[in-house]
Amino acid sequence: MQKKIIATTLCALALGGAAIAGVTHQGHEAAPAARITMAEARAIAMKEAPGGVIAEAELEKEDGSWRYSFDIRQDGRIHEIGVDPQNGRIVENSWENARDEAHEAADEAKHGGKH
């Protein structure tokens, strides 16, 4: 009987976890379910930045759209690659210099993180 209760509790927790997956903290919008994984997006991004090292990776909303964002250290600069989480397309492929990176960090500190 105890095993049945434990199994039922685990199922309820799993279903409850799925139900609250879209809940966010501090008023941030929840990301829609992605069709590709972070690992798949990372592989796509690294094809655009061979030999680079990922310094930061996240799922973020930028300019109204969700994307996996990768800051990749390459050739002494930051290569920023954005990958669409629904179809795996590259949505950003740009270079930042140290000044851009410092400005972005200051903006994030001012607004309490990335937006």
PDB file of N, CA and C in Angstrom:
ATOM      1  N   MET A   1       0.825  -1.190   0.000  1.00  0.00           N
ATOM      2  CA  MET A   1       0.000   0.000   0.000  1.00  0.00           C
ATOM      3  C   MET A   1       0.869   1.253   0.000  1.00  0.00           C
ATOM      4  N   GLN A   2       1.947   1.239   0.786  1.00  0.00           N
ATOM      5  CA  GLN A   2       2.814   2.410   0.859  1.00  0.00           C
ATOM      6  C   GLN A   2       3.477   2.672  -0.493  1.00  0.00           C
ATOM      7  N   LYS A   3       3.846   1.618  -1.222  1.00  0.00           N
ATOM      8  CA  LYS A   3       4.448   1.791  -2.548  1.00  0.00           C
ATOM      9  C   LYS A   3       3.475   2.463  -3.499  1.00  0.00           C
ATOM     10  N   LYS A   4       2.186   2.097  -3.402  1.00  0.00           N
ATOM     11  CA  LYS A   4       1.169   2.693  -4.261  1.00  0.00           C
ATOM     12  C   LYS A   4       1.017   4.175  -3.953  1.00  0.00           C
ATOM     13  N   ILE A   5       1.048   4.548  -2.679  1.00  0.00           N
ATOM     14  CA  ILE A   5       0.941   5.958  -2.279  1.00  0.00           C
ATOM     15  C   ILE A   5       2.147   6.738  -2.790  1.00  0.00           C
ATOM     16  N   ILE A   6       3.331   6.159  -2.644  1.00  0.00           N
ATOM     17  CA  ILE A   6       4.552   6.828  -3.117  1.00  0.00           C
ATOM     18  C   ILE A   6       4.494   7.009  -4.633  1.00  0.00           C
ATOM     19  N   ALA A   7       4.072   5.966  -5.361  1.00  0.00           N
ATOM     20  CA  ALA A   7       3.985   6.057  -6.816  1.00  0.00           C
ATOM     21  C   ALA A   7       2.973   7.113  -7.229  1.00  0.00           C
ATOM     22  N   THR A   8       1.826   7.155  -6.552  1.00  0.00           N
ATOM     23  CA  THR A   8       0.799   8.145  -6.848  1.00  0.00           C
ATOM     24  C   THR A   8       1.316   9.545  -6.556  1.00  0.00           C
ATOM     25  N   THR A   9       2.027   9.714  -5.457  1.00  0.00           N
ATOM     26  CA  THR A   9       2.590  11.014  -5.097  1.00  0.00           C
ATOM     27  C   THR A   9       3.606  11.464  -6.137  1.00  0.00           C
ATOM     28  N   LEU A  10       4.471  10.549  -6.579  1.00  0.00           N
ATOM     29  CA  LEU A  10       5.470  10.897  -7.592  1.00  0.00           C
ATOM     30  C   LEU A  10       4.800  11.300  -8.901  1.00  0.00           C
ATOM     31  N   CYS A  11       3.748  10.595  -9.296  1.00  0.00           N
ATOM     32  CA  CYS A  11       3.018  10.951 -10.514  1.00  0.00           C
ATOM     33  C   CYS A  11       2.386  12.332 -10.380  1.00  0.00           C
ATOM     34  N   ALA A  12       1.805  12.598  -9.231  1.00  0.00           N
ATOM     35  CA  ALA A  12       1.186  13.906  -9.003  1.00  0.00           C
ATOM     36  C   ALA A  12       2.224  15.016  -9.046  1.00  0.00           C
ATOM     37  N   LEU A  13       3.388  14.770  -8.468  1.00  0.00           N
ATOM     38  CA  LEU A  13       4.460  15.774  -8.506  1.00  0.00           C
ATOM     39  C   LEU A  13       4.927  16.005  -9.936  1.00  0.00           C
ATOM     40  N   ALA A  14       5.048  14.937 -10.702  1.00  0.00           N
ATOM     41  CA  ALA A  14       5.483  15.072 -12.093  1.00  0.00           C
ATOM     42  C   ALA A  14       4.465  15.877 -12.888  1.00  0.00           C
ATOM     43  N   LEU A  15       3.189  15.563 -12.731  1.00  0.00           N
ATOM     44  CA  LEU A  15       2.151  16.304 -13.435  1.00  0.00           C
ATOM     45  C   LEU A  15       2.069  17.738 -12.943  1.00  0.00           C
ATOM     46  N   GLY A  16       2.195  17.921 -11.659  1.00  0.00           N
ATOM     47  CA  GLY A  16       2.169  19.278 -11.099  1.00  0.00           C
ATOM     48  C   GLY A  16       3.352  20.082 -11.585  1.00  0.00           C
ATOM     49  N   GLY A  17       4.526  19.446 -11.690  1.00  0.00           N
ATOM     50  CA  GLY A  17       5.707  20.128 -12.200  1.00  0.00           C
ATOM     51  C   GLY A  17       5.506  20.564 -13.634  1.00  0.00           C
ATOM     52  N   ALA A  18       4.857  19.708 -14.422  1.00  0.00           N
ATOM     53  CA  ALA A  18       4.598  20.065 -15.810  1.00  0.00           C
ATOM     54  C   ALA A  18       3.612  21.222 -15.882  1.00  0.00           C
ATOM     55  N   ALA A  19       2.656  21.233 -14.983  1.00  0.00           N
ATOM     56  CA  ALA A  19       1.652  22.290 -14.998  1.00  0.00           C
ATOM     57  C   ALA A  19       2.233  23.635 -14.600  1.00  0.00           C
ATOM     58  N   ILE A  20       3.239  23.626 -13.726  1.00  0.00           N
ATOM     59  CA  ILE A  20       3.791  24.906 -13.293  1.00  0.00           C
ATOM     60  C   ILE A  20       5.065  25.281 -14.036  1.00  0.00           C
ATOM     61  N   ALA A  21       5.418  24.519 -15.064  1.00  0.00           N
ATOM     62  CA  ALA A  21       6.647  24.814 -15.803  1.00  0.00           C
ATOM     63  C   ALA A  21       6.625  26.206 -16.405  1.00  0.00           C
ATOM     64  N   GLY A  22       5.453  26.729 -16.744  1.00  0.00           N
ATOM     65  CA  GLY A  22       5.347  28.054 -17.337  1.00  0.00           C
ATOM     66  C   GLY A  22       5.314  29.178 -16.331  1.00  0.00           C
ATOM     67  N   VAL A  23       5.305  28.882 -15.062  1.00  0.00           N
ATOM     68  CA  VAL A  23       5.270  29.910 -14.031  1.00  0.00           C
ATOM     69  C   VAL A  23       6.643  30.541 -13.897  1.00  0.00           C
ATOM     70  N   THR A  24       6.676  31.847 -13.756  1.00  0.00           N
ATOM     71  CA  THR A  24       7.949  32.535 -13.624  1.00  0.00           C
ATOM     72  C   THR A  24       7.961  33.332 -12.332  1.00  0.00           C
ATOM     73  N   HIS A  25       9.127  33.832 -12.011  1.00  0.00           N
ATOM     74  CA  HIS A  25       9.304  34.632 -10.814  1.00  0.00           C
ATOM     75  C   HIS A  25       9.561  36.075 -11.192  1.00  0.00           C
ATOM     76  N   GLN A  26       9.226  36.988 -10.334  1.00  0.00           N
ATOM     77  CA  GLN A  26       9.508  38.409 -10.477  1.00  0.00           C
ATOM     78  C   GLN A  26       8.923  38.990 -11.764  1.00  0.00           C
ATOM     79  N   GLY A  27       7.783  38.492 -12.204  1.00  0.00           N
ATOM     80  CA  GLY A  27       7.091  39.063 -13.338  1.00  0.00           C
ATOM     81  C   GLY A  27       7.703  38.779 -14.699  1.00  0.00           C
ATOM     82  N   HIS A  28       8.672  37.866 -14.805  1.00  0.00           N
ATOM     83  CA  HIS A  28       9.268  37.546 -16.098  1.00  0.00           C
ATOM     84  C   HIS A  28       8.363  36.577 -16.846  1.00  0.00           C
ATOM     85  N   GLU A  29       8.260  36.770 -18.140  1.00  0.00           N
ATOM     86  CA  GLU A  29       7.422  35.925 -18.976  1.00  0.00           C
ATOM     87  C   GLU A  29       8.053  34.550 -19.167  1.00  0.00           C
ATOM     88  N   ALA A  30       7.226  33.537 -19.149  1.00  0.00           N
ATOM     89  CA  ALA A  30       7.718  32.167 -19.355  1.00  0.00           C
ATOM     90  C   ALA A  30       7.995  31.934 -20.833  1.00  0.00           C
ATOM     91  N   ALA A  31       9.033  31.196 -21.113  1.00  0.00           N
ATOM     92  CA  ALA A  31       9.367  30.835 -22.488  1.00  0.00           C
ATOM     93  C   ALA A  31       8.432  29.736 -22.960  1.00  0.00           C
ATOM     94  N   PRO A  32       8.033  29.779 -24.232  1.00  0.00           N
ATOM     95  CA  PRO A  32       7.226  28.676 -24.758  1.00  0.00           C
ATOM     96  C   PRO A  32       8.089  27.421 -24.857  1.00  0.00           C
ATOM     97  N   ALA A  33       7.455  26.280 -24.956  1.00  0.00           N
ATOM     98  CA  ALA A  33       8.196  25.022 -25.083  1.00  0.00           C
ATOM     99  C   ALA A  33       9.055  25.063 -26.343  1.00  0.00           C
ATOM    100  N   ALA A  34      10.321  24.745 -26.189  1.00  0.00           N
ATOM    101  CA  ALA A  34      11.251  24.754 -27.316  1.00  0.00           C
ATOM    102  C   ALA A  34      11.182  23.431 -28.065  1.00  0.00           C
ATOM    103  N   ARG A  35      11.335  23.484 -29.373  1.00  0.00           N
ATOM    104  CA  ARG A  35      11.338  22.264 -30.186  1.00  0.00           C
ATOM    105  C   ARG A  35      12.733  21.672 -30.298  1.00  0.00           C
ATOM    106  N   ILE A  36      13.755  22.492 -30.079  1.00  0.00           N
ATOM    107  CA  ILE A  36      15.113  21.961 -30.067  1.00  0.00           C
ATOM    108  C   ILE A  36      15.703  22.209 -28.681  1.00  0.00           C
ATOM    109  N   THR A  37      16.629  21.376 -28.299  1.00  0.00           N
ATOM    110  CA  THR A  37      17.220  21.478 -26.967  1.00  0.00           C
ATOM    111  C   THR A  37      18.367  22.484 -26.959  1.00  0.00           C
ATOM    112  N   MET A  38      18.776  22.863 -25.755  1.00  0.00           N
ATOM    113  CA  MET A  38      19.929  23.740 -25.595  1.00  0.00           C
ATOM    114  C   MET A  38      21.157  23.081 -26.228  1.00  0.00           C
ATOM    115  N   ALA A  39      21.317  21.771 -26.034  1.00  0.00           N
ATOM    116  CA  ALA A  39      22.474  21.057 -26.600  1.00  0.00           C
ATOM    117  C   ALA A  39      22.464  21.113 -28.131  1.00  0.00           C
ATOM    118  N   GLU A  40      21.297  20.946 -28.734  1.00  0.00           N
ATOM    119  CA  GLU A  40      21.196  21.037 -30.192  1.00  0.00           C
ATOM    120  C   GLU A  40      21.516  22.451 -30.668  1.00  0.00           C
ATOM    121  N   ALA A  41      21.002  23.438 -29.961  1.00  0.00           N
ATOM    122  CA  ALA A  41      21.272  24.837 -30.316  1.00  0.00           C
ATOM    123  C   ALA A  41      22.757  25.151 -30.149  1.00  0.00           C
ATOM    124  N   ARG A  42      23.369  24.618 -29.099  1.00  0.00           N
ATOM    125  CA  ARG A  42      24.812  24.824 -28.866  1.00  0.00           C
ATOM    126  C   ARG A  42      25.615  24.284 -30.053  1.00  0.00           C
ATOM    127  N   ALA A  43      25.267  23.104 -30.554  1.00  0.00           N
ATOM    128  CA  ALA A  43      25.973  22.515 -31.691  1.00  0.00           C
ATOM    129  C   ALA A  43      25.815  23.393 -32.937  1.00  0.00           C
ATOM    130  N   ILE A  44      24.630  23.936 -33.142  1.00  0.00           N
ATOM    131  CA  ILE A  44      24.382  24.838 -34.279  1.00  0.00           C
ATOM    132  C   ILE A  44      25.245  26.089 -34.142  1.00  0.00           C
ATOM    133  N   ALA A  45      25.270  26.669 -32.947  1.00  0.00           N
ATOM    134  CA  ALA A  45      26.053  27.886 -32.713  1.00  0.00           C
ATOM    135  C   ALA A  45      27.542  27.645 -32.909  1.00  0.00           C
ATOM    136  N   MET A  46      28.032  26.509 -32.432  1.00  0.00           N
ATOM    137  CA  MET A  46      29.466  26.232 -32.532  1.00  0.00           C
ATOM    138  C   MET A  46      29.917  26.015 -33.982  1.00  0.00           C
ATOM    139  N   LYS A  47      29.006  25.628 -34.870  1.00  0.00           N
ATOM    140  CA  LYS A  47      29.358  25.525 -36.294  1.00  0.00           C
ATOM    141  C   LYS A  47      29.668  26.908 -36.867  1.00  0.00           C
ATOM    142  N   GLU A  48      29.060  27.942 -36.281  1.00  0.00           N
ATOM    143  CA  GLU A  48      29.286  29.314 -36.726  1.00  0.00           C
ATOM    144  C   GLU A  48      30.530  29.929 -36.085  1.00  0.00           C
ATOM    145  N   ALA A  49      31.019  29.301 -35.025  1.00  0.00           N
ATOM    146  CA  ALA A  49      32.165  29.842 -34.282  1.00  0.00           C
ATOM    147  C   ALA A  49      33.174  28.739 -33.978  1.00  0.00           C
ATOM    148  N   PRO A  50      33.737  28.118 -35.010  1.00  0.00           N
ATOM    149  CA  PRO A  50      34.668  27.012 -34.777  1.00  0.00           C
ATOM    150  C   PRO A  50      35.885  27.462 -33.971  1.00  0.00           C
ATOM    151  N   GLY A  51      36.261  26.637 -33.012  1.00  0.00           N
ATOM    152  CA  GLY A  51      37.410  26.950 -32.169  1.00  0.00           C
ATOM    153  C   GLY A  51      37.093  27.871 -31.011  1.00  0.00           C
ATOM    154  N   GLY A  52      35.864  28.346 -30.943  1.00  0.00           N
ATOM    155  CA  GLY A  52      35.466  29.245 -29.854  1.00  0.00           C
ATOM    156  C   GLY A  52      35.125  28.480 -28.589  1.00  0.00           C
ATOM    157  N   VAL A  53      34.993  29.243 -27.499  1.00  0.00           N
ATOM    158  CA  VAL A  53      34.631  28.673 -26.199  1.00  0.00           C
ATOM    159  C   VAL A  53      33.389  29.412 -25.700  1.00  0.00           C
ATOM    160  N   ILE A  54      32.354  28.667 -25.361  1.00  0.00           N
ATOM    161  CA  ILE A  54      31.119  29.300 -24.885  1.00  0.00           C
ATOM    162  C   ILE A  54      31.346  29.907 -23.505  1.00  0.00           C
ATOM    163  N   ALA A  55      31.132  31.216 -23.412  1.00  0.00           N
ATOM    164  CA  ALA A  55      31.275  31.932 -22.155  1.00  0.00           C
ATOM    165  C   ALA A  55      29.931  32.050 -21.435  1.00  0.00           C
ATOM    166  N   GLU A  56      28.851  32.098 -22.205  1.00  0.00           N
ATOM    167  CA  GLU A  56      27.515  32.230 -21.616  1.00  0.00           C
ATOM    168  C   GLU A  56      26.506  31.629 -22.587  1.00  0.00           C
ATOM    169  N   ALA A  57      25.527  30.921 -22.028  1.00  0.00           N
ATOM    170  CA  ALA A  57      24.466  30.331 -22.828  1.00  0.00           C
ATOM    171  C   ALA A  57      23.165  30.442 -22.057  1.00  0.00           C
ATOM    172  N   GLU A  58      22.116  30.880 -22.752  1.00  0.00           N
ATOM    173  CA  GLU A  58      20.830  31.013 -22.075  1.00  0.00           C
ATOM    174  C   GLU A  58      19.697  31.052 -23.087  1.00  0.00           C
ATOM    175  N   LEU A  59      18.509  30.780 -22.588  1.00  0.00           N
ATOM    176  CA  LEU A  59      17.290  30.981 -23.354  1.00  0.00           C
ATOM    177  C   LEU A  59      16.755  32.324 -22.899  1.00  0.00           C
ATOM    178  N   GLU A  60      16.620  33.257 -23.840  1.00  0.00           N
ATOM    179  CA  GLU A  60      16.214  34.607 -23.459  1.00  0.00           C
ATOM    180  C   GLU A  60      15.233  35.183 -24.467  1.00  0.00           C
ATOM    181  N   LYS A  61      14.514  36.192 -24.017  1.00  0.00           N
ATOM    182  CA  LYS A  61      13.637  36.922 -24.916  1.00  0.00           C
ATOM    183  C   LYS A  61      14.343  38.220 -25.259  1.00  0.00           C
ATOM    184  N   GLU A  62      14.584  38.414 -26.547  1.00  0.00           N
ATOM    185  CA  GLU A  62      15.272  39.617 -26.998  1.00  0.00           C
ATOM    186  C   GLU A  62      14.544  40.164 -28.211  1.00  0.00           C
ATOM    187  N   ASP A  63      14.263  41.454 -28.183  1.00  0.00           N
ATOM    188  CA  ASP A  63      13.550  42.113 -29.281  1.00  0.00           C
ATOM    189  C   ASP A  63      12.225  41.424 -29.591  1.00  0.00           C
ATOM    190  N   GLY A  64      11.545  40.940 -28.539  1.00  0.00           N
ATOM    191  CA  GLY A  64      10.222  40.349 -28.689  1.00  0.00           C
ATOM    192  C   GLY A  64      10.177  38.886 -29.061  1.00  0.00           C
ATOM    193  N   SER A  65      11.329  38.268 -29.282  1.00  0.00           N
ATOM    194  CA  SER A  65      11.356  36.863 -29.680  1.00  0.00           C
ATOM    195  C   SER A  65      12.261  36.062 -28.753  1.00  0.00           C
ATOM    196  N   TRP A  66      11.887  34.800 -28.537  1.00  0.00           N
ATOM    197  CA  TRP A  66      12.707  33.903 -27.725  1.00  0.00           C
ATOM    198  C   TRP A  66      13.830  33.325 -28.570  1.00  0.00           C
ATOM    199  N   ARG A  67      14.988  33.135 -27.952  1.00  0.00           N
ATOM    200  CA  ARG A  67      16.145  32.548 -28.623  1.00  0.00           C
ATOM    201  C   ARG A  67      17.093  31.939 -27.614  1.00  0.00           C
ATOM    202  N   TYR A  68      17.836  30.964 -28.078  1.00  0.00           N
ATOM    203  CA  TYR A  68      18.993  30.524 -27.318  1.00  0.00           C
ATOM    204  C   TYR A  68      20.090  31.514 -27.687  1.00  0.00           C
ATOM    205  N   SER A  69      20.732  32.078 -26.702  1.00  0.00           N
ATOM    206  CA  SER A  69      21.784  33.054 -26.943  1.00  0.00           C
ATOM    207  C   SER A  69      23.100  32.507 -26.415  1.00  0.00           C
ATOM    208  N   PHE A  70      24.122  32.551 -27.271  1.00  0.00           N
ATOM    209  CA  PHE A  70      25.446  32.053 -26.906  1.00  0.00           C
ATOM    210  C   PHE A  70      26.464  33.165 -27.090  1.00  0.00           C
ATOM    211  N   ASP A  71      27.190  33.472 -26.039  1.00  0.00           N
ATOM    212  CA  ASP A  71      28.344  34.362 -26.124  1.00  0.00           C
ATOM    213  C   ASP A  71      29.560  33.447 -26.203  1.00  0.00           C
ATOM    214  N   ILE A  72      30.239  33.496 -27.332  1.00  0.00           N
ATOM    215  CA  ILE A  72      31.351  32.589 -27.587  1.00  0.00           C
ATOM    216  C   ILE A  72      32.638  33.395 -27.716  1.00  0.00           C
ATOM    217  N   ARG A  73      33.613  33.097 -26.849  1.00  0.00           N
ATOM    218  CA  ARG A  73      34.913  33.767 -26.929  1.00  0.00           C
ATOM    219  C   ARG A  73      35.677  33.182 -28.106  1.00  0.00           C
ATOM    220  N   GLN A  74      36.031  34.082 -29.018  1.00  0.00           N
ATOM    221  CA  GLN A  74      36.714  33.645 -30.221  1.00  0.00           C
ATOM    222  C   GLN A  74      37.587  34.791 -30.732  1.00  0.00           C
ATOM    223  N   ASP A  75      38.854  34.516 -30.944  1.00  0.00           N
ATOM    224  CA  ASP A  75      39.786  35.516 -31.471  1.00  0.00           C
ATOM    225  C   ASP A  75      39.835  36.774 -30.608  1.00  0.00           C
ATOM    226  N   GLY A  76      39.754  36.606 -29.293  1.00  0.00           N
ATOM    227  CA  GLY A  76      39.847  37.739 -28.372  1.00  0.00           C
ATOM    228  C   GLY A  76      38.608  38.607 -28.301  1.00  0.00           C
ATOM    229  N   ARG A  77      37.545  38.184 -28.941  1.00  0.00           N
ATOM    230  CA  ARG A  77      36.287  38.939 -28.906  1.00  0.00           C
ATOM    231  C   ARG A  77      35.145  37.998 -28.564  1.00  0.00           C
ATOM    232  N   ILE A  78      33.966  38.583 -28.395  1.00  0.00           N
ATOM    233  CA  ILE A  78      32.765  37.793 -28.135  1.00  0.00           C
ATOM    234  C   ILE A  78      31.962  37.683 -29.427  1.00  0.00           C
ATOM    235  N   HIS A  79      31.721  36.461 -29.837  1.00  0.00           N
ATOM    236  CA  HIS A  79      30.907  36.164 -31.007  1.00  0.00           C
ATOM    237  C   HIS A  79      29.539  35.775 -30.461  1.00  0.00           C
ATOM    238  N   GLU A  80      28.540  36.591 -30.715  1.00  0.00           N
ATOM    239  CA  GLU A  80      27.200  36.315 -30.194  1.00  0.00           C
ATOM    240  C   GLU A  80      26.372  35.636 -31.273  1.00  0.00           C
ATOM    241  N   ILE A  81      25.902  34.438 -30.937  1.00  0.00           N
ATOM    242  CA  ILE A  81      25.090  33.645 -31.858  1.00  0.00           C
ATOM    243  C   ILE A  81      23.739  33.410 -31.200  1.00  0.00           C
ATOM    244  N   GLY A  82      22.668  33.744 -31.919  1.00  0.00           N
ATOM    245  CA  GLY A  82      21.313  33.483 -31.455  1.00  0.00           C
ATOM    246  C   GLY A  82      20.692  32.398 -32.313  1.00  0.00           C
ATOM    247  N   VAL A  83      20.042  31.427 -31.663  1.00  0.00           N
ATOM    248  CA  VAL A  83      19.431  30.297 -32.365  1.00  0.00           C
ATOM    249  C   VAL A  83      17.952  30.230 -31.983  1.00  0.00           C
ATOM    250  N   ASP A  84      17.096  30.181 -32.994  1.00  0.00           N
ATOM    251  CA  ASP A  84      15.654  30.082 -32.764  1.00  0.00           C
ATOM    252  C   ASP A  84      15.332  28.740 -32.112  1.00  0.00           C
ATOM    253  N   PRO A  85      14.651  28.732 -30.956  1.00  0.00           N
ATOM    254  CA  PRO A  85      14.368  27.474 -30.251  1.00  0.00           C
ATOM    255  C   PRO A  85      13.283  26.625 -30.908  1.00  0.00           C
ATOM    256  N   GLN A  86      12.603  27.178 -31.898  1.00  0.00           N
ATOM    257  CA  GLN A  86      11.543  26.418 -32.565  1.00  0.00           C
ATOM    258  C   GLN A  86      12.030  25.692 -33.814  1.00  0.00           C
ATOM    259  N   ASN A  87      13.002  26.300 -34.532  1.00  0.00           N
ATOM    260  CA  ASN A  87      13.405  25.698 -35.800  1.00  0.00           C
ATOM    261  C   ASN A  87      14.924  25.567 -35.982  1.00  0.00           C
ATOM    262  N   GLY A  88      15.713  26.081 -35.040  1.00  0.00           N
ATOM    263  CA  GLY A  88      17.161  25.940 -35.111  1.00  0.00           C
ATOM    264  C   GLY A  88      17.864  26.905 -36.048  1.00  0.00           C
ATOM    265  N   ARG A  89      17.137  27.869 -36.581  1.00  0.00           N
ATOM    266  CA  ARG A  89      17.755  28.842 -37.478  1.00  0.00           C
ATOM    267  C   ARG A  89      18.589  29.851 -36.692  1.00  0.00           C
ATOM    268  N   ILE A  90      19.657  30.324 -37.318  1.00  0.00           N
ATOM    269  CA  ILE A  90      20.479  31.381 -36.728  1.00  0.00           C
ATOM    270  C   ILE A  90      19.697  32.693 -36.862  1.00  0.00           C
ATOM    271  N   VAL A  91      19.431  33.359 -35.735  1.00  0.00           N
ATOM    272  CA  VAL A  91      18.707  34.628 -35.762  1.00  0.00           C
ATOM    273  C   VAL A  91      19.620  35.805 -35.422  1.00  0.00           C
ATOM    274  N   GLU A  92      20.830  35.507 -34.951  1.00  0.00           N
ATOM    275  CA  GLU A  92      21.826  36.545 -34.721  1.00  0.00           C
ATOM    276  C   GLU A  92      23.205  35.932 -34.910  1.00  0.00           C
ATOM    277  N   ASN A  93      24.071  36.705 -35.549  1.00  0.00           N
ATOM    278  CA  ASN A  93      25.453  36.288 -35.747  1.00  0.00           C
ATOM    279  C   ASN A  93      26.267  37.577 -35.788  1.00  0.00           C
ATOM    280  N   SER A  94      26.716  38.026 -34.619  1.00  0.00           N
ATOM    281  CA  SER A  94      27.399  39.314 -34.541  1.00  0.00           C
ATOM    282  C   SER A  94      28.597  39.234 -33.605  1.00  0.00           C
ATOM    283  N   TRP A  95      29.441  40.238 -33.696  1.00  0.00           N
ATOM    284  CA  TRP A  95      30.643  40.323 -32.861  1.00  0.00           C
ATOM    285  C   TRP A  95      30.493  41.483 -31.899  1.00  0.00           C
ATOM    286  N   GLU A  96      30.917  41.255 -30.653  1.00  0.00           N
ATOM    287  CA  GLU A  96      30.968  42.322 -29.660  1.00  0.00           C
ATOM    288  C   GLU A  96      32.424  42.564 -29.315  1.00  0.00           C
ATOM    289  N   ASN A  97      32.749  43.813 -28.999  1.00  0.00           N
ATOM    290  CA  ASN A  97      34.080  44.093 -28.487  1.00  0.00           C
ATOM    291  C   ASN A  97      33.975  44.296 -26.980  1.00  0.00           C
ATOM    292  N   ALA A  98      35.067  44.574 -26.323  1.00  0.00           N
ATOM    293  CA  ALA A  98      35.073  44.713 -24.860  1.00  0.00           C
ATOM    294  C   ALA A  98      34.145  45.830 -24.410  1.00  0.00           C
ATOM    295  N   ARG A  99      34.089  46.920 -25.154  1.00  0.00           N
ATOM    296  CA  ARG A  99      33.224  48.047 -24.774  1.00  0.00           C
ATOM    297  C   ARG A  99      31.753  47.647 -24.858  1.00  0.00           C
ATOM    298  N   ASP A 100      31.372  46.929 -25.920  1.00  0.00           N
ATOM    299  CA  ASP A 100      29.994  46.448 -26.047  1.00  0.00           C
ATOM    300  C   ASP A 100      29.626  45.539 -24.880  1.00  0.00           C
ATOM    301  N   GLU A 101      30.543  44.634 -24.540  1.00  0.00           N
ATOM    302  CA  GLU A 101      30.308  43.682 -23.455  1.00  0.00           C
ATOM    303  C   GLU A 101      30.156  44.415 -22.130  1.00  0.00           C
ATOM    304  N   ALA A 102      30.986  45.418 -21.877  1.00  0.00           N
ATOM    305  CA  ALA A 102      30.903  46.199 -20.633  1.00  0.00           C
ATOM    306  C   ALA A 102      29.584  46.963 -20.567  1.00  0.00           C
ATOM    307  N   HIS A 103      29.158  47.525 -21.694  1.00  0.00           N
ATOM    308  CA  HIS A 103      27.887  48.249 -21.736  1.00  0.00           C
ATOM    309  C   HIS A 103      26.713  47.310 -21.450  1.00  0.00           C
ATOM    310  N   GLU A 104      26.757  46.117 -22.038  1.00  0.00           N
ATOM    311  CA  GLU A 104      25.701  45.128 -21.814  1.00  0.00           C
ATOM    312  C   GLU A 104      25.665  44.694 -20.351  1.00  0.00           C
ATOM    313  N   ALA A 105      26.825  44.462 -19.753  1.00  0.00           N
ATOM    314  CA  ALA A 105      26.894  44.056 -18.344  1.00  0.00           C
ATOM    315  C   ALA A 105      26.344  45.153 -17.436  1.00  0.00           C
ATOM    316  N   ALA A 106      26.668  46.411 -17.738  1.00  0.00           N
ATOM    317  CA  ALA A 106      26.161  47.527 -16.930  1.00  0.00           C
ATOM    318  C   ALA A 106      24.649  47.633 -17.057  1.00  0.00           C
ATOM    319  N   ASP A 107      24.131  47.436 -18.259  1.00  0.00           N
ATOM    320  CA  ASP A 107      22.687  47.493 -18.482  1.00  0.00           C
ATOM    321  C   ASP A 107      21.979  46.368 -17.737  1.00  0.00           C
ATOM    322  N   GLU A 108      22.558  45.170 -17.752  1.00  0.00           N
ATOM    323  CA  GLU A 108      21.977  44.041 -17.029  1.00  0.00           C
ATOM    324  C   GLU A 108      21.964  44.299 -15.526  1.00  0.00           C
ATOM    325  N   ALA A 109      23.044  44.870 -15.006  1.00  0.00           N
ATOM    326  CA  ALA A 109      23.117  45.174 -13.565  1.00  0.00           C
ATOM    327  C   ALA A 109      22.059  46.215 -13.194  1.00  0.00           C
ATOM    328  N   LYS A 110      21.878  47.183 -14.050  1.00  0.00           N
ATOM    329  CA  LYS A 110      20.907  48.253 -13.798  1.00  0.00           C
ATOM    330  C   LYS A 110      19.474  47.721 -13.803  1.00  0.00           C
ATOM    331  N   HIS A 111      19.201  46.774 -14.693  1.00  0.00           N
ATOM    332  CA  HIS A 111      17.843  46.255 -14.822  1.00  0.00           C
ATOM    333  C   HIS A 111      17.632  44.909 -14.149  1.00  0.00           C
ATOM    334  N   GLY A 112      18.584  44.459 -13.381  1.00  0.00           N
ATOM    335  CA  GLY A 112      18.420  43.217 -12.634  1.00  0.00           C
ATOM    336  C   GLY A 112      18.475  41.962 -13.463  1.00  0.00           C
ATOM    337  N   GLY A 113      19.315  41.930 -14.469  1.00  0.00           N
ATOM    338  CA  GLY A 113      19.491  40.728 -15.284  1.00  0.00           C
ATOM    339  C   GLY A 113      19.076  40.961 -16.705  1.00  0.00           C
ATOM    340  N   LYS A 114      19.210  39.912 -17.516  1.00  0.00           N
ATOM    341  CA  LYS A 114      18.868  40.027 -18.940  1.00  0.00           C
ATOM    342  C   LYS A 114      17.371  40.107 -19.111  1.00  0.00           C
ATOM    343  N   HIS A 115      16.979  40.738 -20.184  1.00  0.00           N
ATOM    344  CA  HIS A 115      15.553  40.854 -20.527  1.00  0.00           C
ATOM    345  C   HIS A 115      15.300  40.354 -21.905  1.00  0.00           C
TER     346      HIS A 115
END
